[in-house]
Amino acid sequence: MALPKKAAGRQEEISVLEVARRQLSVCILGTTPLICNRVSEKAKRELLMPRGTLNRADKKTNLKHDPLREYRDSPYTVAGEEHPTRIVMPATAFKGALRDVALDMPGAAKSQIGRLTYVIGDQGTDYVSIYGVPQLLMSIVRSADISRTPDVRSRAIIPQWACRLTVSFVFPLLRDPVVANLLAAAGIMRGVGDWRPEKGAGDYGQFSLVDADNPSFLAVVMNGGRAAQDVALADPQCYDTSTTDLLGWYVGEIDRRGITGVAS
């Protein structure tokens, strides 16, 4: 049976869904410590202008590590007194967690969530204020070379942390409950910072969504602002016994060898 031909000049009607931007503001409370993982100034300068391999004599006069300087370089920070915290986190870290968790969630696609969501930074910046008092963590890590050479890395770790997050999304392709569910799942399965679950080995940087009047959230915000962070960055406390022992040995060796120019 022959199909009827379309009438000459007839066009199909195009219908486009009307979309708009909406925002969802949530309170985030860390459920596991946050390890700051900003690339240090020393590492960035080495990438820009490598100094080459040091000989034995050079190694005796050039320290490989300066734990206190590396500790202070590890968090993202903002200058001035206008910001509520000294320590911040790139908003893209939370968007990355929100986007990547879609890989493990039915009904969501990573690329689509990436296009439809945007995490808004605080006060017109690209950063989110992180509340909490940092401590010094010295860890044995493996380098990325073929031999997986062991090394010591000094970073800031924030045992109790919190932040306020504002997510902008495209409505009605996404709705408030969907974004909230994705963000909650990201806090469990992805996290932020170093050694987060996304990497497969650690469980740091996990978080949950809480109410604005949550007592634990309010306690972190009240006691972990800019003033407390400035004190902790200037005079850090060690996170664990291993760090205490290693830093104590390092300071003793610096004094014994008469080395100058290290951070104090």
C-alpha atoms as a PDB file:
ATOM      1  CA  MET A   1       0.000   0.000   0.000  1.00  0.00           C
ATOM      2  CA  ALA A   2       1.481   3.340  -1.016  1.00  0.00           C
ATOM      3  CA  LEU A   3       1.902   5.986   1.698  1.00  0.00           C
ATOM      4  CA  PRO A   4       0.315   9.401   1.113  1.00  0.00           C
ATOM      5  CA  LYS A   5       2.780  12.044   0.050  1.00  0.00           C
ATOM      6  CA  LYS A   6       3.259  15.115   2.253  1.00  0.00           C
ATOM      7  CA  ALA A   7       1.374  18.133   1.109  1.00  0.00           C
ATOM      8  CA  ALA A   8       3.542  20.541  -0.851  1.00  0.00           C
ATOM      9  CA  GLY A   9       5.035  23.297   1.311  1.00  0.00           C
ATOM     10  CA  ARG A  10       3.927  21.682   4.583  1.00  0.00           C
ATOM     11  CA  GLN A  11       6.462  22.001   7.470  1.00  0.00           C
ATOM     12  CA  GLU A  12       6.754  20.159  10.772  1.00  0.00           C
ATOM     13  CA  GLU A  13       6.107  22.316  13.853  1.00  0.00           C
ATOM     14  CA  ILE A  14       9.158  22.741  16.098  1.00  0.00           C
ATOM     15  CA  SER A  15       8.589  22.768  19.824  1.00  0.00           C
ATOM     16  CA  VAL A  16      11.377  23.809  22.225  1.00  0.00           C
ATOM     17  CA  LEU A  17      11.149  23.326  25.968  1.00  0.00           C
ATOM     18  CA  GLU A  18      11.455  26.569  27.924  1.00  0.00           C
ATOM     19  CA  VAL A  19      14.312  26.364  30.408  1.00  0.00           C
ATOM     20  CA  ALA A  20      15.520  28.594  33.213  1.00  0.00           C
ATOM     21  CA  ARG A  21      18.270  28.790  35.809  1.00  0.00           C
ATOM     22  CA  ARG A  22      17.512  27.858  39.395  1.00  0.00           C
ATOM     23  CA  GLN A  23      19.702  27.704  42.477  1.00  0.00           C
ATOM     24  CA  LEU A  24      19.910  25.259  45.353  1.00  0.00           C
ATOM     25  CA  SER A  25      21.764  26.319  48.515  1.00  0.00           C
ATOM     26  CA  VAL A  26      22.859  23.598  50.933  1.00  0.00           C
ATOM     27  CA  CYS A  27      24.973  23.229  54.053  1.00  0.00           C
ATOM     28  CA  ILE A  28      27.829  20.740  53.811  1.00  0.00           C
ATOM     29  CA  LEU A  29      29.372  18.988  56.820  1.00  0.00           C
ATOM     30  CA  GLY A  30      32.484  16.877  56.383  1.00  0.00           C
ATOM     31  CA  THR A  31      32.126  13.289  57.557  1.00  0.00           C
ATOM     32  CA  THR A  32      35.822  12.443  57.076  1.00  0.00           C
ATOM     33  CA  PRO A  33      38.858  14.767  57.299  1.00  0.00           C
ATOM     34  CA  LEU A  34      39.673  16.965  54.310  1.00  0.00           C
ATOM     35  CA  ILE A  35      43.251  16.819  52.988  1.00  0.00           C
ATOM     36  CA  CYS A  36      44.253  19.979  51.116  1.00  0.00           C
ATOM     37  CA  ASN A  37      45.945  19.227  47.786  1.00  0.00           C
ATOM     38  CA  ARG A  38      46.929  22.504  46.162  1.00  0.00           C
ATOM     39  CA  VAL A  39      50.090  22.275  44.047  1.00  0.00           C
ATOM     40  CA  SER A  40      52.878  24.030  45.956  1.00  0.00           C
ATOM     41  CA  GLU A  41      54.733  27.055  44.612  1.00  0.00           C
ATOM     42  CA  LYS A  42      57.957  25.035  44.611  1.00  0.00           C
ATOM     43  CA  ALA A  43      56.400  22.328  42.428  1.00  0.00           C
ATOM     44  CA  LYS A  44      54.952  24.877  39.993  1.00  0.00           C
ATOM     45  CA  ARG A  45      58.315  26.603  39.643  1.00  0.00           C
ATOM     46  CA  GLU A  46      60.007  23.266  39.040  1.00  0.00           C
ATOM     47  CA  LEU A  47      57.529  22.614  36.218  1.00  0.00           C
ATOM     48  CA  LEU A  48      58.209  26.039  34.738  1.00  0.00           C
ATOM     49  CA  MET A  49      61.992  25.891  35.081  1.00  0.00           C
ATOM     50  CA  PRO A  50      63.379  22.495  36.212  1.00  0.00           C
ATOM     51  CA  ARG A  51      66.672  22.751  38.087  1.00  0.00           C
ATOM     52  CA  GLY A  52      67.952  19.389  36.865  1.00  0.00           C
ATOM     53  CA  THR A  53      69.500  16.512  38.783  1.00  0.00           C
ATOM     54  CA  LEU A  54      71.463  17.461  41.886  1.00  0.00           C
ATOM     55  CA  ASN A  55      74.853  15.930  42.569  1.00  0.00           C
ATOM     56  CA  ARG A  56      75.905  14.687  46.002  1.00  0.00           C
ATOM     57  CA  ALA A  57      77.367  18.046  47.061  1.00  0.00           C
ATOM     58  CA  ASP A  58      74.229  19.932  45.961  1.00  0.00           C
ATOM     59  CA  LYS A  59      71.961  17.551  47.877  1.00  0.00           C
ATOM     60  CA  LYS A  60      73.789  18.376  51.108  1.00  0.00           C
ATOM     61  CA  THR A  61      73.062  22.092  50.733  1.00  0.00           C
ATOM     62  CA  ASN A  62      69.581  21.907  49.128  1.00  0.00           C
ATOM     63  CA  LEU A  63      66.809  20.505  51.264  1.00  0.00           C
ATOM     64  CA  LYS A  64      64.384  18.210  49.465  1.00  0.00           C
ATOM     65  CA  HIS A  65      61.525  19.096  51.806  1.00  0.00           C
ATOM     66  CA  ASP A  66      60.490  21.959  54.053  1.00  0.00           C
ATOM     67  CA  PRO A  67      57.488  20.497  55.936  1.00  0.00           C
ATOM     68  CA  LEU A  68      56.126  23.715  57.434  1.00  0.00           C
ATOM     69  CA  ARG A  69      56.339  25.617  54.144  1.00  0.00           C
ATOM     70  CA  GLU A  70      54.734  22.705  52.284  1.00  0.00           C
ATOM     71  CA  TYR A  71      51.995  22.592  54.938  1.00  0.00           C
ATOM     72  CA  ARG A  72      51.210  26.288  54.488  1.00  0.00           C
ATOM     73  CA  ASP A  73      51.301  25.977  50.694  1.00  0.00           C
ATOM     74  CA  SER A  74      48.929  22.991  50.515  1.00  0.00           C
ATOM     75  CA  PRO A  75      45.575  24.761  51.096  1.00  0.00           C
ATOM     76  CA  TYR A  76      44.024  27.248  48.692  1.00  0.00           C
ATOM     77  CA  THR A  77      43.908  30.568  50.544  1.00  0.00           C
ATOM     78  CA  VAL A  78      42.602  34.086  50.005  1.00  0.00           C
ATOM     79  CA  ALA A  79      44.216  37.307  51.196  1.00  0.00           C
ATOM     80  CA  GLY A  80      42.566  40.192  53.007  1.00  0.00           C
ATOM     81  CA  GLU A  81      40.103  40.427  55.844  1.00  0.00           C
ATOM     82  CA  GLU A  82      36.839  40.489  53.877  1.00  0.00           C
ATOM     83  CA  HIS A  83      36.492  36.729  53.442  1.00  0.00           C
ATOM     84  CA  PRO A  84      35.005  34.685  56.320  1.00  0.00           C
ATOM     85  CA  THR A  85      37.728  32.035  56.022  1.00  0.00           C
ATOM     86  CA  ARG A  86      41.381  31.963  55.022  1.00  0.00           C
ATOM     87  CA  ILE A  87      41.124  28.488  53.498  1.00  0.00           C
ATOM     88  CA  VAL A  88      38.998  27.947  50.393  1.00  0.00           C
ATOM     89  CA  MET A  89      38.355  25.209  47.870  1.00  0.00           C
ATOM     90  CA  PRO A  90      37.855  25.670  44.108  1.00  0.00           C
ATOM     91  CA  ALA A  91      34.156  25.511  43.265  1.00  0.00           C
ATOM     92  CA  THR A  92      35.106  23.181  40.406  1.00  0.00           C
ATOM     93  CA  ALA A  93      36.112  20.528  42.955  1.00  0.00           C
ATOM     94  CA  PHE A  94      32.505  20.204  44.081  1.00  0.00           C
ATOM     95  CA  LYS A  95      31.184  20.407  40.523  1.00  0.00           C
ATOM     96  CA  GLY A  96      33.611  17.650  39.561  1.00  0.00           C
ATOM     97  CA  ALA A  97      32.280  15.449  42.369  1.00  0.00           C
ATOM     98  CA  LEU A  98      28.695  16.216  41.319  1.00  0.00           C
ATOM     99  CA  ARG A  99      29.446  15.438  37.677  1.00  0.00           C
ATOM    100  CA  ASP A 100      31.536  12.308  38.215  1.00  0.00           C
ATOM    101  CA  VAL A 101      29.094  10.627  40.591  1.00  0.00           C
ATOM    102  CA  ALA A 102      26.656  10.429  37.665  1.00  0.00           C
ATOM    103  CA  LEU A 103      28.830   7.584  36.332  1.00  0.00           C
ATOM    104  CA  ASP A 104      27.577   5.387  39.181  1.00  0.00           C
ATOM    105  CA  MET A 105      23.997   6.636  39.357  1.00  0.00           C
ATOM    106  CA  PRO A 106      21.269   5.184  37.106  1.00  0.00           C
ATOM    107  CA  GLY A 107      19.396   7.721  35.036  1.00  0.00           C
ATOM    108  CA  ALA A 108      22.181  10.305  34.945  1.00  0.00           C
ATOM    109  CA  ALA A 109      25.017  10.947  32.485  1.00  0.00           C
ATOM    110  CA  LYS A 110      28.332  12.585  33.423  1.00  0.00           C
ATOM    111  CA  SER A 111      28.455  14.882  30.395  1.00  0.00           C
ATOM    112  CA  GLN A 112      24.838  15.946  30.823  1.00  0.00           C
ATOM    113  CA  ILE A 113      25.203  16.762  34.534  1.00  0.00           C
ATOM    114  CA  GLY A 114      28.348  18.718  33.678  1.00  0.00           C
ATOM    115  CA  ARG A 115      26.402  20.847  31.194  1.00  0.00           C
ATOM    116  CA  LEU A 116      23.371  21.386  33.418  1.00  0.00           C
ATOM    117  CA  THR A 117      25.023  22.281  36.740  1.00  0.00           C
ATOM    118  CA  TYR A 118      27.371  24.974  37.998  1.00  0.00           C
ATOM    119  CA  VAL A 119      28.713  25.543  41.509  1.00  0.00           C
ATOM    120  CA  ILE A 120      28.787  29.233  42.392  1.00  0.00           C
ATOM    121  CA  GLY A 121      31.799  30.541  44.320  1.00  0.00           C
ATOM    122  CA  ASP A 122      31.524  32.863  47.312  1.00  0.00           C
ATOM    123  CA  GLN A 123      31.547  36.651  46.971  1.00  0.00           C
ATOM    124  CA  GLY A 124      32.040  36.631  43.206  1.00  0.00           C
ATOM    125  CA  THR A 125      35.092  34.353  43.308  1.00  0.00           C
ATOM    126  CA  ASP A 126      35.696  30.857  41.951  1.00  0.00           C
ATOM    127  CA  TYR A 127      36.204  29.486  45.468  1.00  0.00           C
ATOM    128  CA  VAL A 128      34.057  28.103  48.276  1.00  0.00           C
ATOM    129  CA  SER A 129      34.843  29.087  51.878  1.00  0.00           C
ATOM    130  CA  ILE A 130      35.979  26.105  53.951  1.00  0.00           C
ATOM    131  CA  TYR A 131      35.476  26.320  57.712  1.00  0.00           C
ATOM    132  CA  GLY A 132      37.633  24.246  60.044  1.00  0.00           C
ATOM    133  CA  VAL A 133      40.992  24.331  61.814  1.00  0.00           C
ATOM    134  CA  PRO A 134      43.870  22.758  59.821  1.00  0.00           C
ATOM    135  CA  GLN A 135      46.575  20.517  61.267  1.00  0.00           C
ATOM    136  CA  LEU A 136      49.883  19.241  59.881  1.00  0.00           C
ATOM    137  CA  LEU A 137      49.885  15.799  58.261  1.00  0.00           C
ATOM    138  CA  MET A 138      53.102  14.137  57.077  1.00  0.00           C
ATOM    139  CA  SER A 139      52.468  10.997  55.005  1.00  0.00           C
ATOM    140  CA  ILE A 140      54.557   8.430  53.189  1.00  0.00           C
ATOM    141  CA  VAL A 141      53.438   8.449  49.556  1.00  0.00           C
ATOM    142  CA  ARG A 142      54.529   6.816  46.302  1.00  0.00           C
ATOM    143  CA  SER A 143      55.798   8.954  43.446  1.00  0.00           C
ATOM    144  CA  ALA A 144      54.361   8.610  39.952  1.00  0.00           C
ATOM    145  CA  ASP A 145      57.604   7.348  38.424  1.00  0.00           C
ATOM    146  CA  ILE A 146      57.997   3.813  37.098  1.00  0.00           C
ATOM    147  CA  SER A 147      59.732   2.688  40.295  1.00  0.00           C
ATOM    148  CA  ARG A 148      56.999   4.122  42.536  1.00  0.00           C
ATOM    149  CA  THR A 149      59.681   5.757  44.687  1.00  0.00           C
ATOM    150  CA  PRO A 150      58.546   6.453  48.271  1.00  0.00           C
ATOM    151  CA  ASP A 151      58.536  10.044  49.471  1.00  0.00           C
ATOM    152  CA  VAL A 152      57.246  12.173  52.355  1.00  0.00           C
ATOM    153  CA  ARG A 153      54.496  14.701  51.695  1.00  0.00           C
ATOM    154  CA  SER A 154      53.433  17.398  54.158  1.00  0.00           C
ATOM    155  CA  ARG A 155      49.921  18.809  53.835  1.00  0.00           C
ATOM    156  CA  ALA A 156      47.193  20.516  55.791  1.00  0.00           C
ATOM    157  CA  ILE A 157      44.401  18.254  56.976  1.00  0.00           C
ATOM    158  CA  ILE A 158      41.142  19.592  58.404  1.00  0.00           C
ATOM    159  CA  PRO A 159      39.612  16.996  60.780  1.00  0.00           C
ATOM    160  CA  GLN A 160      36.238  18.776  61.134  1.00  0.00           C
ATOM    161  CA  TRP A 161      35.182  20.939  58.203  1.00  0.00           C
ATOM    162  CA  ALA A 162      32.085  22.518  56.716  1.00  0.00           C
ATOM    163  CA  CYS A 163      30.966  24.890  53.974  1.00  0.00           C
ATOM    164  CA  ARG A 164      27.917  26.411  52.335  1.00  0.00           C
ATOM    165  CA  LEU A 165      27.337  25.460  48.717  1.00  0.00           C
ATOM    166  CA  THR A 166      25.162  27.051  46.039  1.00  0.00           C
ATOM    167  CA  VAL A 167      24.456  24.984  42.922  1.00  0.00           C
ATOM    168  CA  SER A 168      22.959  26.620  39.835  1.00  0.00           C
ATOM    169  CA  PHE A 169      21.134  24.209  37.508  1.00  0.00           C
ATOM    170  CA  VAL A 170      18.917  24.153  34.433  1.00  0.00           C
ATOM    171  CA  PHE A 171      15.206  23.771  35.234  1.00  0.00           C
ATOM    172  CA  PRO A 172      13.080  21.749  34.413  1.00  0.00           C
ATOM    173  CA  LEU A 173      15.696  19.339  33.026  1.00  0.00           C
ATOM    174  CA  LEU A 174      16.898  19.087  36.626  1.00  0.00           C
ATOM    175  CA  ARG A 175      14.932  19.732  39.793  1.00  0.00           C
ATOM    176  CA  ASP A 176      15.881  20.469  43.390  1.00  0.00           C
ATOM    177  CA  PRO A 177      15.487  16.898  44.730  1.00  0.00           C
ATOM    178  CA  VAL A 178      17.572  15.459  41.855  1.00  0.00           C
ATOM    179  CA  VAL A 179      20.424  17.905  42.438  1.00  0.00           C
ATOM    180  CA  ALA A 180      20.290  17.305  46.200  1.00  0.00           C
ATOM    181  CA  ASN A 181      20.380  13.528  45.708  1.00  0.00           C
ATOM    182  CA  LEU A 182      23.327  13.771  43.311  1.00  0.00           C
ATOM    183  CA  LEU A 183      25.211  16.017  45.727  1.00  0.00           C
ATOM    184  CA  ALA A 184      24.550  13.675  48.647  1.00  0.00           C
ATOM    185  CA  ALA A 185      25.764  10.721  46.584  1.00  0.00           C
ATOM    186  CA  ALA A 186      28.866  12.695  45.563  1.00  0.00           C
ATOM    187  CA  GLY A 187      29.664  13.247  49.229  1.00  0.00           C
ATOM    188  CA  ILE A 188      29.697   9.493  49.818  1.00  0.00           C
ATOM    189  CA  MET A 189      31.226   8.127  46.626  1.00  0.00           C
ATOM    190  CA  ARG A 190      33.445  10.961  45.346  1.00  0.00           C
ATOM    191  CA  GLY A 191      34.424  13.500  48.004  1.00  0.00           C
ATOM    192  CA  VAL A 192      36.887  16.383  47.585  1.00  0.00           C
ATOM    193  CA  GLY A 193      40.564  16.940  48.327  1.00  0.00           C
ATOM    194  CA  ASP A 194      43.344  14.356  48.387  1.00  0.00           C
ATOM    195  CA  TRP A 195      42.880  10.634  49.130  1.00  0.00           C
ATOM    196  CA  ARG A 196      39.178  10.943  48.371  1.00  0.00           C
ATOM    197  CA  PRO A 197      37.038   7.871  47.552  1.00  0.00           C
ATOM    198  CA  GLU A 198      37.063   8.754  43.843  1.00  0.00           C
ATOM    199  CA  LYS A 199      40.749   7.778  43.735  1.00  0.00           C
ATOM    200  CA  GLY A 200      39.838   4.297  44.972  1.00  0.00           C
ATOM    201  CA  ALA A 201      42.271   4.045  47.909  1.00  0.00           C
ATOM    202  CA  GLY A 202      41.295   6.597  50.556  1.00  0.00           C
ATOM    203  CA  ASP A 203      38.092   7.760  52.186  1.00  0.00           C
ATOM    204  CA  TYR A 204      39.007  11.358  53.035  1.00  0.00           C
ATOM    205  CA  GLY A 205      37.000  14.419  52.012  1.00  0.00           C
ATOM    206  CA  GLN A 206      33.575  12.790  52.300  1.00  0.00           C
ATOM    207  CA  PHE A 207      30.624  14.980  53.254  1.00  0.00           C
ATOM    208  CA  SER A 208      26.889  15.025  53.855  1.00  0.00           C
ATOM    209  CA  LEU A 209      24.071  17.535  53.468  1.00  0.00           C
ATOM    210  CA  VAL A 210      22.757  18.929  56.760  1.00  0.00           C
ATOM    211  CA  ASP A 211      20.254  21.498  57.958  1.00  0.00           C
ATOM    212  CA  ALA A 212      21.438  25.045  58.586  1.00  0.00           C
ATOM    213  CA  ASP A 213      20.752  24.645  62.326  1.00  0.00           C
ATOM    214  CA  ASN A 214      22.706  21.381  62.656  1.00  0.00           C
ATOM    215  CA  PRO A 215      24.731  21.712  65.916  1.00  0.00           C
ATOM    216  CA  SER A 216      27.878  20.121  64.463  1.00  0.00           C
ATOM    217  CA  PHE A 217      27.750  22.378  61.414  1.00  0.00           C
ATOM    218  CA  LEU A 218      27.278  25.499  63.530  1.00  0.00           C
ATOM    219  CA  ALA A 219      30.150  24.502  65.837  1.00  0.00           C
ATOM    220  CA  VAL A 220      32.587  24.142  62.919  1.00  0.00           C
ATOM    221  CA  VAL A 221      31.497  27.459  61.388  1.00  0.00           C
ATOM    222  CA  MET A 222      31.741  29.277  64.718  1.00  0.00           C
ATOM    223  CA  ASN A 223      35.153  27.892  65.722  1.00  0.00           C
ATOM    224  CA  GLY A 224      36.810  27.373  62.324  1.00  0.00           C
ATOM    225  CA  GLY A 225      36.766  30.787  60.672  1.00  0.00           C
ATOM    226  CA  ARG A 226      39.564  33.004  59.369  1.00  0.00           C
ATOM    227  CA  ALA A 227      41.091  33.950  62.762  1.00  0.00           C
ATOM    228  CA  ALA A 228      41.385  30.342  63.938  1.00  0.00           C
ATOM    229  CA  GLN A 229      42.829  29.260  60.584  1.00  0.00           C
ATOM    230  CA  ASP A 230      45.452  32.017  60.627  1.00  0.00           C
ATOM    231  CA  VAL A 231      46.645  30.845  64.044  1.00  0.00           C
ATOM    232  CA  ALA A 232      46.760  27.200  62.921  1.00  0.00           C
ATOM    233  CA  LEU A 233      48.693  28.026  59.749  1.00  0.00           C
ATOM    234  CA  ALA A 234      51.239  30.083  61.683  1.00  0.00           C
ATOM    235  CA  ASP A 235      51.674  27.573  64.524  1.00  0.00           C
ATOM    236  CA  PRO A 236      50.379  24.163  63.409  1.00  0.00           C
ATOM    237  CA  GLN A 237      49.460  21.204  65.562  1.00  0.00           C
ATOM    238  CA  CYS A 238      50.396  17.718  64.368  1.00  0.00           C
ATOM    239  CA  TYR A 239      47.498  15.528  63.243  1.00  0.00           C
ATOM    240  CA  ASP A 240      48.805  12.193  64.518  1.00  0.00           C
ATOM    241  CA  THR A 241      51.651  10.550  66.434  1.00  0.00           C
ATOM    242  CA  SER A 242      53.514   9.596  63.254  1.00  0.00           C
ATOM    243  CA  THR A 243      53.615  13.244  62.162  1.00  0.00           C
ATOM    244  CA  THR A 244      54.724  14.366  65.626  1.00  0.00           C
ATOM    245  CA  ASP A 245      57.627  11.904  65.643  1.00  0.00           C
ATOM    246  CA  LEU A 246      58.723  12.655  62.075  1.00  0.00           C
ATOM    247  CA  LEU A 247      58.573  16.428  62.480  1.00  0.00           C
ATOM    248  CA  GLY A 248      60.442  16.228  65.787  1.00  0.00           C
ATOM    249  CA  TRP A 249      63.232  14.218  64.167  1.00  0.00           C
ATOM    250  CA  TYR A 250      63.378  16.659  61.221  1.00  0.00           C
ATOM    251  CA  VAL A 251      63.673  19.729  63.459  1.00  0.00           C
ATOM    252  CA  GLY A 252      66.410  18.028  65.487  1.00  0.00           C
ATOM    253  CA  GLU A 253      68.370  17.171  62.357  1.00  0.00           C
ATOM    254  CA  ILE A 254      68.067  20.734  61.063  1.00  0.00           C
ATOM    255  CA  ASP A 255      69.581  22.021  64.302  1.00  0.00           C
ATOM    256  CA  ARG A 256      72.276  19.340  64.392  1.00  0.00           C
ATOM    257  CA  ARG A 257      73.398  20.039  60.822  1.00  0.00           C
ATOM    258  CA  GLY A 258      73.193  23.799  61.216  1.00  0.00           C
ATOM    259  CA  ILE A 259      70.920  24.221  58.183  1.00  0.00           C
ATOM    260  CA  THR A 260      69.289  27.644  57.769  1.00  0.00           C
ATOM    261  CA  GLY A 261      66.573  29.043  55.540  1.00  0.00           C
ATOM    262  CA  VAL A 262      63.775  26.603  56.506  1.00  0.00           C
ATOM    263  CA  ALA A 263      60.312  27.739  57.581  1.00  0.00           C
ATOM    264  CA  SER A 264      59.587  27.947  61.284  1.00  0.00           C
END
